[in-house]
């Protein structure tokens, strides 16, 4: 049996398992779930998958990809029960789309560069959806920092972009200077606008450097937490609670943590 046939049988088994779990004699918890509740778990599994990729943990990644696949099948089963669509239609749709969007592979046409391929993909997507704008159906649920990154990607394919990261970094400096001008004001709306401009500019610097800002910030968050846990550990060794330590004491331990935790 070919590898793809084995994979197909295993996928069919997963679909059958989900149908059983949602069936009359299935699992009470699984039967209670709906598309809204599963959306939360779906996002959680996606982020855990990103963590595994970032950690370069192949074993964990294989497990997390399985969890993501399970959530996809779960959602498809829920909508099958609503008589909206089935997993078969999901697979048919993506298979046809991948073939249609890659005429340079499955058709007579040939593209020489990845840039040409992406340009054709974007144009094909726009035509298929009969969209008048690139952003007509831009997902509102995308995390804001990731959305800023994707917006930059969209428009860059049409030449609306900086030539290099340093030019985009200069824009960040300009936006920070504008924030500094209003930072003492009481106009929260203006402050929010300027902060937004800073974040948006940083996302584009990150994009031009080939770094996903959402992933980079998640790594920074995890690093901060690890270093702060080091402060907590050190204070505990000194028989102190967080509220009992001065800022200078915590700063001193923080500098130690920076050396130990990169």
C-alpha atoms as a PDB file:
ATOM      1  CA  UNK A   1       0.000   0.000   0.000  1.00  0.00           C
ATOM      2  CA  UNK A   2       1.323   3.433  -0.957  1.00  0.00           C
ATOM      3  CA  UNK A   3       2.092   5.976   1.758  1.00  0.00           C
ATOM      4  CA  UNK A   4      -0.679   8.304   0.575  1.00  0.00           C
ATOM      5  CA  UNK A   5      -3.177   5.415   0.715  1.00  0.00           C
ATOM      6  CA  UNK A   6      -2.126   4.639   4.297  1.00  0.00           C
ATOM      7  CA  UNK A   7      -2.489   8.309   5.219  1.00  0.00           C
ATOM      8  CA  UNK A   8      -5.926   8.358   3.574  1.00  0.00           C
ATOM      9  CA  UNK A   9      -7.090   5.356   5.629  1.00  0.00           C
ATOM     10  CA  UNK A  10      -5.836   6.944   8.838  1.00  0.00           C
ATOM     11  CA  UNK A  11      -7.591  10.194   8.001  1.00  0.00           C
ATOM     12  CA  UNK A  12     -10.816   8.273   7.323  1.00  0.00           C
ATOM     13  CA  UNK A  13     -10.378   6.614  10.722  1.00  0.00           C
ATOM     14  CA  UNK A  14     -10.103  10.044  12.392  1.00  0.00           C
ATOM     15  CA  UNK A  15     -13.330  11.147  10.659  1.00  0.00           C
ATOM     16  CA  UNK A  16     -15.043   7.958  11.876  1.00  0.00           C
ATOM     17  CA  UNK A  17     -13.769   8.488  15.438  1.00  0.00           C
ATOM     18  CA  UNK A  18     -15.221  12.007  15.456  1.00  0.00           C
ATOM     19  CA  UNK A  19     -18.561  10.784  14.131  1.00  0.00           C
ATOM     20  CA  UNK A  20     -18.639   8.187  16.917  1.00  0.00           C
ATOM     21  CA  UNK A  21     -17.756  10.726  19.588  1.00  0.00           C
ATOM     22  CA  UNK A  22     -20.601  12.958  18.399  1.00  0.00           C
ATOM     23  CA  UNK A  23     -23.030  10.059  17.963  1.00  0.00           C
ATOM     24  CA  UNK A  24     -25.856   8.836  20.192  1.00  0.00           C
ATOM     25  CA  UNK A  25     -23.548   6.657  22.264  1.00  0.00           C
ATOM     26  CA  UNK A  26     -20.641   9.073  22.070  1.00  0.00           C
ATOM     27  CA  UNK A  27     -18.820  11.276  24.567  1.00  0.00           C
ATOM     28  CA  UNK A  28     -21.057  13.711  26.522  1.00  0.00           C
ATOM     29  CA  UNK A  29     -18.432  16.467  26.380  1.00  0.00           C
ATOM     30  CA  UNK A  30     -17.813  16.131  22.634  1.00  0.00           C
ATOM     31  CA  UNK A  31     -21.562  16.115  21.957  1.00  0.00           C
ATOM     32  CA  UNK A  32     -22.033  19.368  23.880  1.00  0.00           C
ATOM     33  CA  UNK A  33     -19.510  21.321  21.797  1.00  0.00           C
ATOM     34  CA  UNK A  34     -20.455  23.725  19.023  1.00  0.00           C
ATOM     35  CA  UNK A  35     -18.547  25.815  16.508  1.00  0.00           C
ATOM     36  CA  UNK A  36     -18.011  28.651  18.996  1.00  0.00           C
ATOM     37  CA  UNK A  37     -16.493  26.499  21.706  1.00  0.00           C
ATOM     38  CA  UNK A  38     -14.319  24.586  19.235  1.00  0.00           C
ATOM     39  CA  UNK A  39     -12.997  27.869  17.806  1.00  0.00           C
ATOM     40  CA  UNK A  40     -11.303  28.538  21.146  1.00  0.00           C
ATOM     41  CA  UNK A  41      -9.658  25.104  21.204  1.00  0.00           C
ATOM     42  CA  UNK A  42      -8.720  25.424  17.538  1.00  0.00           C
ATOM     43  CA  UNK A  43      -6.838  28.669  18.157  1.00  0.00           C
ATOM     44  CA  UNK A  44      -5.142  27.182  21.221  1.00  0.00           C
ATOM     45  CA  UNK A  45      -3.890  24.220  19.190  1.00  0.00           C
ATOM     46  CA  UNK A  46      -2.632  26.488  16.401  1.00  0.00           C
ATOM     47  CA  UNK A  47      -0.598  28.556  18.866  1.00  0.00           C
ATOM     48  CA  UNK A  48       0.788  25.413  20.487  1.00  0.00           C
ATOM     49  CA  UNK A  49       1.823  24.288  17.003  1.00  0.00           C
ATOM     50  CA  UNK A  50       3.632  27.595  16.460  1.00  0.00           C
ATOM     51  CA  UNK A  51       5.397  27.105  19.800  1.00  0.00           C
ATOM     52  CA  UNK A  52       6.591  23.657  18.721  1.00  0.00           C
ATOM     53  CA  UNK A  53       7.899  25.051  15.417  1.00  0.00           C
ATOM     54  CA  UNK A  54       9.710  27.860  17.239  1.00  0.00           C
ATOM     55  CA  UNK A  55      11.213  25.382  19.710  1.00  0.00           C
ATOM     56  CA  UNK A  56      12.316  23.171  16.787  1.00  0.00           C
ATOM     57  CA  UNK A  57      10.719  20.228  18.587  1.00  0.00           C
ATOM     58  CA  UNK A  58       9.754  17.803  15.802  1.00  0.00           C
ATOM     59  CA  UNK A  59       8.139  15.291  18.156  1.00  0.00           C
ATOM     60  CA  UNK A  60       5.941  17.949  19.764  1.00  0.00           C
ATOM     61  CA  UNK A  61       5.137  19.416  16.347  1.00  0.00           C
ATOM     62  CA  UNK A  62       3.889  16.069  15.049  1.00  0.00           C
ATOM     63  CA  UNK A  63       1.564  15.824  18.049  1.00  0.00           C
ATOM     64  CA  UNK A  64       0.323  19.407  17.733  1.00  0.00           C
ATOM     65  CA  UNK A  65      -0.361  19.010  14.011  1.00  0.00           C
ATOM     66  CA  UNK A  66      -2.507  16.012  14.912  1.00  0.00           C
ATOM     67  CA  UNK A  67      -4.426  18.156  17.400  1.00  0.00           C
ATOM     68  CA  UNK A  68      -4.981  20.855  14.760  1.00  0.00           C
ATOM     69  CA  UNK A  69      -6.180  18.240  12.277  1.00  0.00           C
ATOM     70  CA  UNK A  70      -8.575  16.866  14.889  1.00  0.00           C
ATOM     71  CA  UNK A  71     -10.091  20.317  15.424  1.00  0.00           C
ATOM     72  CA  UNK A  72     -10.564  20.698  11.656  1.00  0.00           C
ATOM     73  CA  UNK A  73     -12.400  17.361  11.521  1.00  0.00           C
ATOM     74  CA  UNK A  74     -14.395  18.334  14.630  1.00  0.00           C
ATOM     75  CA  UNK A  75     -15.614  21.557  12.998  1.00  0.00           C
ATOM     76  CA  UNK A  76     -16.429  19.766   9.751  1.00  0.00           C
ATOM     77  CA  UNK A  77     -18.481  17.191  11.689  1.00  0.00           C
ATOM     78  CA  UNK A  78     -20.428  19.932  13.468  1.00  0.00           C
ATOM     79  CA  UNK A  79     -21.344  21.528  10.134  1.00  0.00           C
ATOM     80  CA  UNK A  80     -22.176  18.165   8.600  1.00  0.00           C
ATOM     81  CA  UNK A  81     -24.737  17.713  11.367  1.00  0.00           C
ATOM     82  CA  UNK A  82     -26.176  21.111  10.405  1.00  0.00           C
ATOM     83  CA  UNK A  83     -26.432  19.894   6.774  1.00  0.00           C
ATOM     84  CA  UNK A  84     -24.102  22.693   5.679  1.00  0.00           C
ATOM     85  CA  UNK A  85     -21.099  20.763   4.325  1.00  0.00           C
ATOM     86  CA  UNK A  86     -19.025  17.639   4.985  1.00  0.00           C
ATOM     87  CA  UNK A  87     -15.307  16.937   5.284  1.00  0.00           C
ATOM     88  CA  UNK A  88     -15.512  15.516   1.730  1.00  0.00           C
ATOM     89  CA  UNK A  89     -16.548  18.933   0.440  1.00  0.00           C
ATOM     90  CA  UNK A  90     -13.772  20.580   2.443  1.00  0.00           C
ATOM     91  CA  UNK A  91     -11.201  18.268   0.850  1.00  0.00           C
ATOM     92  CA  UNK A  92     -12.690  18.646  -2.640  1.00  0.00           C
ATOM     93  CA  UNK A  93     -12.606  22.416  -2.277  1.00  0.00           C
ATOM     94  CA  UNK A  94      -8.986  22.678  -1.164  1.00  0.00           C
ATOM     95  CA  UNK A  95      -7.780  20.102  -3.711  1.00  0.00           C
ATOM     96  CA  UNK A  96      -9.436  21.946  -6.577  1.00  0.00           C
ATOM     97  CA  UNK A  97      -8.203  25.299  -5.306  1.00  0.00           C
ATOM     98  CA  UNK A  98      -4.584  24.133  -5.008  1.00  0.00           C
ATOM     99  CA  UNK A  99      -4.636  22.779  -8.562  1.00  0.00           C
ATOM    100  CA  UNK A 100      -6.406  25.872  -9.915  1.00  0.00           C
ATOM    101  CA  UNK A 101      -4.040  28.263  -8.124  1.00  0.00           C
ATOM    102  CA  UNK A 102      -0.939  26.447  -9.408  1.00  0.00           C
ATOM    103  CA  UNK A 103      -1.311  26.426 -13.213  1.00  0.00           C
ATOM    104  CA  UNK A 104       2.482  26.635 -13.439  1.00  0.00           C
ATOM    105  CA  UNK A 105       2.635  23.153 -11.867  1.00  0.00           C
ATOM    106  CA  UNK A 106      -0.599  21.397 -12.912  1.00  0.00           C
ATOM    107  CA  UNK A 107      -1.216  23.288 -16.166  1.00  0.00           C
ATOM    108  CA  UNK A 108       0.715  24.313 -19.249  1.00  0.00           C
ATOM    109  CA  UNK A 109       1.893  27.636 -17.816  1.00  0.00           C
ATOM    110  CA  UNK A 110       5.281  28.057 -16.184  1.00  0.00           C
ATOM    111  CA  UNK A 111       6.513  30.718 -13.749  1.00  0.00           C
ATOM    112  CA  UNK A 112      10.199  31.407 -13.270  1.00  0.00           C
ATOM    113  CA  UNK A 113      10.187  33.129  -9.878  1.00  0.00           C
ATOM    114  CA  UNK A 114       8.357  32.781  -6.575  1.00  0.00           C
ATOM    115  CA  UNK A 115       7.382  36.461  -6.862  1.00  0.00           C
ATOM    116  CA  UNK A 116       5.518  35.754 -10.101  1.00  0.00           C
ATOM    117  CA  UNK A 117       3.809  32.801  -8.443  1.00  0.00           C
ATOM    118  CA  UNK A 118       2.640  34.920  -5.496  1.00  0.00           C
ATOM    119  CA  UNK A 119       1.434  37.707  -7.781  1.00  0.00           C
ATOM    120  CA  UNK A 120      -0.619  35.220  -9.794  1.00  0.00           C
ATOM    121  CA  UNK A 121      -1.992  33.648  -6.587  1.00  0.00           C
ATOM    122  CA  UNK A 122      -3.171  37.013  -5.269  1.00  0.00           C
ATOM    123  CA  UNK A 123      -4.704  37.994  -8.603  1.00  0.00           C
ATOM    124  CA  UNK A 124      -6.419  34.609  -8.914  1.00  0.00           C
ATOM    125  CA  UNK A 125      -7.814  34.895  -5.401  1.00  0.00           C
ATOM    126  CA  UNK A 126      -9.158  38.367  -6.122  1.00  0.00           C
ATOM    127  CA  UNK A 127     -10.819  37.247  -9.369  1.00  0.00           C
ATOM    128  CA  UNK A 128     -12.312  34.054  -7.890  1.00  0.00           C
ATOM    129  CA  UNK A 129     -13.903  35.922  -5.022  1.00  0.00           C
ATOM    130  CA  UNK A 130     -14.992  38.785  -7.318  1.00  0.00           C
ATOM    131  CA  UNK A 131     -13.395  41.256  -4.941  1.00  0.00           C
ATOM    132  CA  UNK A 132     -12.972  44.910  -5.762  1.00  0.00           C
ATOM    133  CA  UNK A 133     -10.351  45.367  -3.029  1.00  0.00           C
ATOM    134  CA  UNK A 134      -7.465  43.315  -1.682  1.00  0.00           C
ATOM    135  CA  UNK A 135      -8.918  43.769   1.788  1.00  0.00           C
ATOM    136  CA  UNK A 136     -12.578  43.141   1.030  1.00  0.00           C
ATOM    137  CA  UNK A 137     -12.647  39.965   3.115  1.00  0.00           C
ATOM    138  CA  UNK A 138      -9.606  40.505   5.309  1.00  0.00           C
ATOM    139  CA  UNK A 139     -10.264  38.436   8.485  1.00  0.00           C
ATOM    140  CA  UNK A 140     -11.239  40.629  11.431  1.00  0.00           C
ATOM    141  CA  UNK A 141     -10.319  37.924  13.932  1.00  0.00           C
ATOM    142  CA  UNK A 142      -6.627  37.961  13.005  1.00  0.00           C
ATOM    143  CA  UNK A 143      -4.467  39.148  15.950  1.00  0.00           C
ATOM    144  CA  UNK A 144      -3.645  42.813  15.317  1.00  0.00           C
ATOM    145  CA  UNK A 145       0.141  42.447  15.140  1.00  0.00           C
ATOM    146  CA  UNK A 146      -0.123  39.534  12.708  1.00  0.00           C
ATOM    147  CA  UNK A 147      -2.701  41.489  10.686  1.00  0.00           C
ATOM    148  CA  UNK A 148      -0.276  44.420  10.353  1.00  0.00           C
ATOM    149  CA  UNK A 149       2.332  41.966   9.053  1.00  0.00           C
ATOM    150  CA  UNK A 150      -0.109  40.477   6.535  1.00  0.00           C
ATOM    151  CA  UNK A 151      -1.347  43.880   5.353  1.00  0.00           C
ATOM    152  CA  UNK A 152       2.229  44.808   4.544  1.00  0.00           C
ATOM    153  CA  UNK A 153       2.649  41.557   2.629  1.00  0.00           C
ATOM    154  CA  UNK A 154      -0.491  42.181   0.599  1.00  0.00           C
ATOM    155  CA  UNK A 155       0.434  45.655  -0.588  1.00  0.00           C
ATOM    156  CA  UNK A 156       4.134  44.912  -1.056  1.00  0.00           C
ATOM    157  CA  UNK A 157       3.291  42.690  -4.033  1.00  0.00           C
ATOM    158  CA  UNK A 158       2.119  45.804  -5.837  1.00  0.00           C
ATOM    159  CA  UNK A 159       5.206  47.872  -5.102  1.00  0.00           C
ATOM    160  CA  UNK A 160       3.759  49.784  -2.138  1.00  0.00           C
ATOM    161  CA  UNK A 161       6.669  49.152   0.201  1.00  0.00           C
ATOM    162  CA  UNK A 162      10.034  50.316   1.487  1.00  0.00           C
ATOM    163  CA  UNK A 163      13.119  49.187  -0.396  1.00  0.00           C
ATOM    164  CA  UNK A 164      14.905  47.899   2.689  1.00  0.00           C
ATOM    165  CA  UNK A 165      14.403  47.364   6.441  1.00  0.00           C
ATOM    166  CA  UNK A 166      16.412  50.448   7.415  1.00  0.00           C
ATOM    167  CA  UNK A 167      13.964  52.680   5.539  1.00  0.00           C
ATOM    168  CA  UNK A 168      11.072  51.123   7.444  1.00  0.00           C
ATOM    169  CA  UNK A 169      13.023  51.510  10.693  1.00  0.00           C
ATOM    170  CA  UNK A 170      13.313  55.231   9.988  1.00  0.00           C
ATOM    171  CA  UNK A 171       9.524  55.312   9.793  1.00  0.00           C
ATOM    172  CA  UNK A 172       9.398  53.709  13.251  1.00  0.00           C
ATOM    173  CA  UNK A 173      11.628  56.481  14.588  1.00  0.00           C
ATOM    174  CA  UNK A 174       9.325  59.083  13.049  1.00  0.00           C
ATOM    175  CA  UNK A 175       6.286  57.459  14.655  1.00  0.00           C
ATOM    176  CA  UNK A 176       8.030  57.241  18.046  1.00  0.00           C
ATOM    177  CA  UNK A 177       8.872  60.954  17.775  1.00  0.00           C
ATOM    178  CA  UNK A 178       5.204  61.726  17.109  1.00  0.00           C
ATOM    179  CA  UNK A 179       4.238  59.628  20.139  1.00  0.00           C
ATOM    180  CA  UNK A 180       6.711  61.563  22.277  1.00  0.00           C
ATOM    181  CA  UNK A 181       5.033  64.826  21.281  1.00  0.00           C
ATOM    182  CA  UNK A 182       1.653  63.749  22.637  1.00  0.00           C
ATOM    183  CA  UNK A 183       2.690  61.482  25.502  1.00  0.00           C
ATOM    184  CA  UNK A 184       1.999  64.120  28.152  1.00  0.00           C
ATOM    185  CA  UNK A 185      -1.398  64.991  26.690  1.00  0.00           C
ATOM    186  CA  UNK A 186      -4.632  63.725  28.192  1.00  0.00           C
ATOM    187  CA  UNK A 187      -6.064  62.819  24.799  1.00  0.00           C
ATOM    188  CA  UNK A 188      -6.266  59.034  25.033  1.00  0.00           C
ATOM    189  CA  UNK A 189      -7.641  58.694  21.522  1.00  0.00           C
ATOM    190  CA  UNK A 190      -4.644  60.523  20.057  1.00  0.00           C
ATOM    191  CA  UNK A 191      -2.234  58.475  22.168  1.00  0.00           C
ATOM    192  CA  UNK A 192      -3.896  55.272  20.975  1.00  0.00           C
ATOM    193  CA  UNK A 193      -3.557  56.368  17.341  1.00  0.00           C
ATOM    194  CA  UNK A 194       0.131  57.142  17.752  1.00  0.00           C
ATOM    195  CA  UNK A 195       0.789  53.875  19.601  1.00  0.00           C
ATOM    196  CA  UNK A 196      -0.993  52.032  16.812  1.00  0.00           C
ATOM    197  CA  UNK A 197       1.232  53.715  14.222  1.00  0.00           C
ATOM    198  CA  UNK A 198       4.339  52.624  16.148  1.00  0.00           C
ATOM    199  CA  UNK A 199       3.188  49.008  16.302  1.00  0.00           C
ATOM    200  CA  UNK A 200       2.182  49.007  12.634  1.00  0.00           C
ATOM    201  CA  UNK A 201       5.572  50.398  11.592  1.00  0.00           C
ATOM    202  CA  UNK A 202       7.424  47.847  13.715  1.00  0.00           C
ATOM    203  CA  UNK A 203       5.435  45.039  12.109  1.00  0.00           C
ATOM    204  CA  UNK A 204       6.631  46.192   8.702  1.00  0.00           C
ATOM    205  CA  UNK A 205      10.262  46.362   9.805  1.00  0.00           C
ATOM    206  CA  UNK A 206       9.858  42.806  11.052  1.00  0.00           C
ATOM    207  CA  UNK A 207       8.329  41.742   7.727  1.00  0.00           C
ATOM    208  CA  UNK A 208      11.192  43.239   5.735  1.00  0.00           C
ATOM    209  CA  UNK A 209      13.647  41.400   7.982  1.00  0.00           C
ATOM    210  CA  UNK A 210      11.833  38.140   7.232  1.00  0.00           C
ATOM    211  CA  UNK A 211      10.562  37.781  10.802  1.00  0.00           C
ATOM    212  CA  UNK A 212       6.940  37.174  11.749  1.00  0.00           C
ATOM    213  CA  UNK A 213       6.276  39.788  14.478  1.00  0.00           C
ATOM    214  CA  UNK A 214       3.591  37.669  16.156  1.00  0.00           C
ATOM    215  CA  UNK A 215       6.072  34.820  16.625  1.00  0.00           C
ATOM    216  CA  UNK A 216       8.852  37.211  17.673  1.00  0.00           C
ATOM    217  CA  UNK A 217       6.640  38.843  20.312  1.00  0.00           C
ATOM    218  CA  UNK A 218       5.478  35.484  21.627  1.00  0.00           C
ATOM    219  CA  UNK A 219       9.139  34.515  22.073  1.00  0.00           C
ATOM    220  CA  UNK A 220       9.835  37.809  23.850  1.00  0.00           C
ATOM    221  CA  UNK A 221       6.856  37.241  26.157  1.00  0.00           C
ATOM    222  CA  UNK A 222       8.071  33.756  27.050  1.00  0.00           C
ATOM    223  CA  UNK A 223      11.595  35.059  27.677  1.00  0.00           C
ATOM    224  CA  UNK A 224      10.282  37.796  29.977  1.00  0.00           C
ATOM    225  CA  UNK A 225       8.228  35.276  31.947  1.00  0.00           C
ATOM    226  CA  UNK A 226      11.231  32.966  32.350  1.00  0.00           C
ATOM    227  CA  UNK A 227      13.388  35.845  33.588  1.00  0.00           C
ATOM    228  CA  UNK A 228      10.728  37.056  35.997  1.00  0.00           C
ATOM    229  CA  UNK A 229      10.336  33.540  37.345  1.00  0.00           C
ATOM    230  CA  UNK A 230      14.066  33.703  38.040  1.00  0.00           C
ATOM    231  CA  UNK A 231      13.455  36.843  40.122  1.00  0.00           C
ATOM    232  CA  UNK A 232      10.692  35.052  42.026  1.00  0.00           C
ATOM    233  CA  UNK A 233      12.968  32.069  42.645  1.00  0.00           C
ATOM    234  CA  UNK A 234      15.834  34.236  43.899  1.00  0.00           C
ATOM    235  CA  UNK A 235      13.575  36.232  46.207  1.00  0.00           C
ATOM    236  CA  UNK A 236      12.110  33.020  47.588  1.00  0.00           C
ATOM    237  CA  UNK A 237      15.631  31.825  48.380  1.00  0.00           C
ATOM    238  CA  UNK A 238      16.092  35.072  50.310  1.00  0.00           C
ATOM    239  CA  UNK A 239      12.809  34.451  52.159  1.00  0.00           C
ATOM    240  CA  UNK A 240      11.198  37.467  50.473  1.00  0.00           C
ATOM    241  CA  UNK A 241       7.914  37.972  48.652  1.00  0.00           C
ATOM    242  CA  UNK A 242       7.596  40.036  45.482  1.00  0.00           C
ATOM    243  CA  UNK A 243       5.995  42.955  47.288  1.00  0.00           C
ATOM    244  CA  UNK A 244       8.797  43.037  49.848  1.00  0.00           C
ATOM    245  CA  UNK A 245      11.623  43.591  47.354  1.00  0.00           C
ATOM    246  CA  UNK A 246      12.653  47.029  46.124  1.00  0.00           C
ATOM    247  CA  UNK A 247      12.903  47.884  42.437  1.00  0.00           C
ATOM    248  CA  UNK A 248      16.697  48.099  42.763  1.00  0.00           C
ATOM    249  CA  UNK A 249      16.816  44.580  44.221  1.00  0.00           C
ATOM    250  CA  UNK A 250      14.664  43.183  41.447  1.00  0.00           C
ATOM    251  CA  UNK A 251      16.679  45.027  38.792  1.00  0.00           C
ATOM    252  CA  UNK A 252      19.867  43.500  40.122  1.00  0.00           C
ATOM    253  CA  UNK A 253      18.412  39.991  39.893  1.00  0.00           C
ATOM    254  CA  UNK A 254      16.967  40.827  36.465  1.00  0.00           C
ATOM    255  CA  UNK A 255      20.477  41.556  35.185  1.00  0.00           C
ATOM    256  CA  UNK A 256      21.548  38.125  36.443  1.00  0.00           C
ATOM    257  CA  UNK A 257      18.589  36.565  34.655  1.00  0.00           C
ATOM    258  CA  UNK A 258      19.530  38.299  31.385  1.00  0.00           C
ATOM    259  CA  UNK A 259      22.933  36.590  31.498  1.00  0.00           C
ATOM    260  CA  UNK A 260      21.496  33.174  32.324  1.00  0.00           C
ATOM    261  CA  UNK A 261      18.351  33.248  30.170  1.00  0.00           C
ATOM    262  CA  UNK A 262      18.765  34.370  26.577  1.00  0.00           C
END
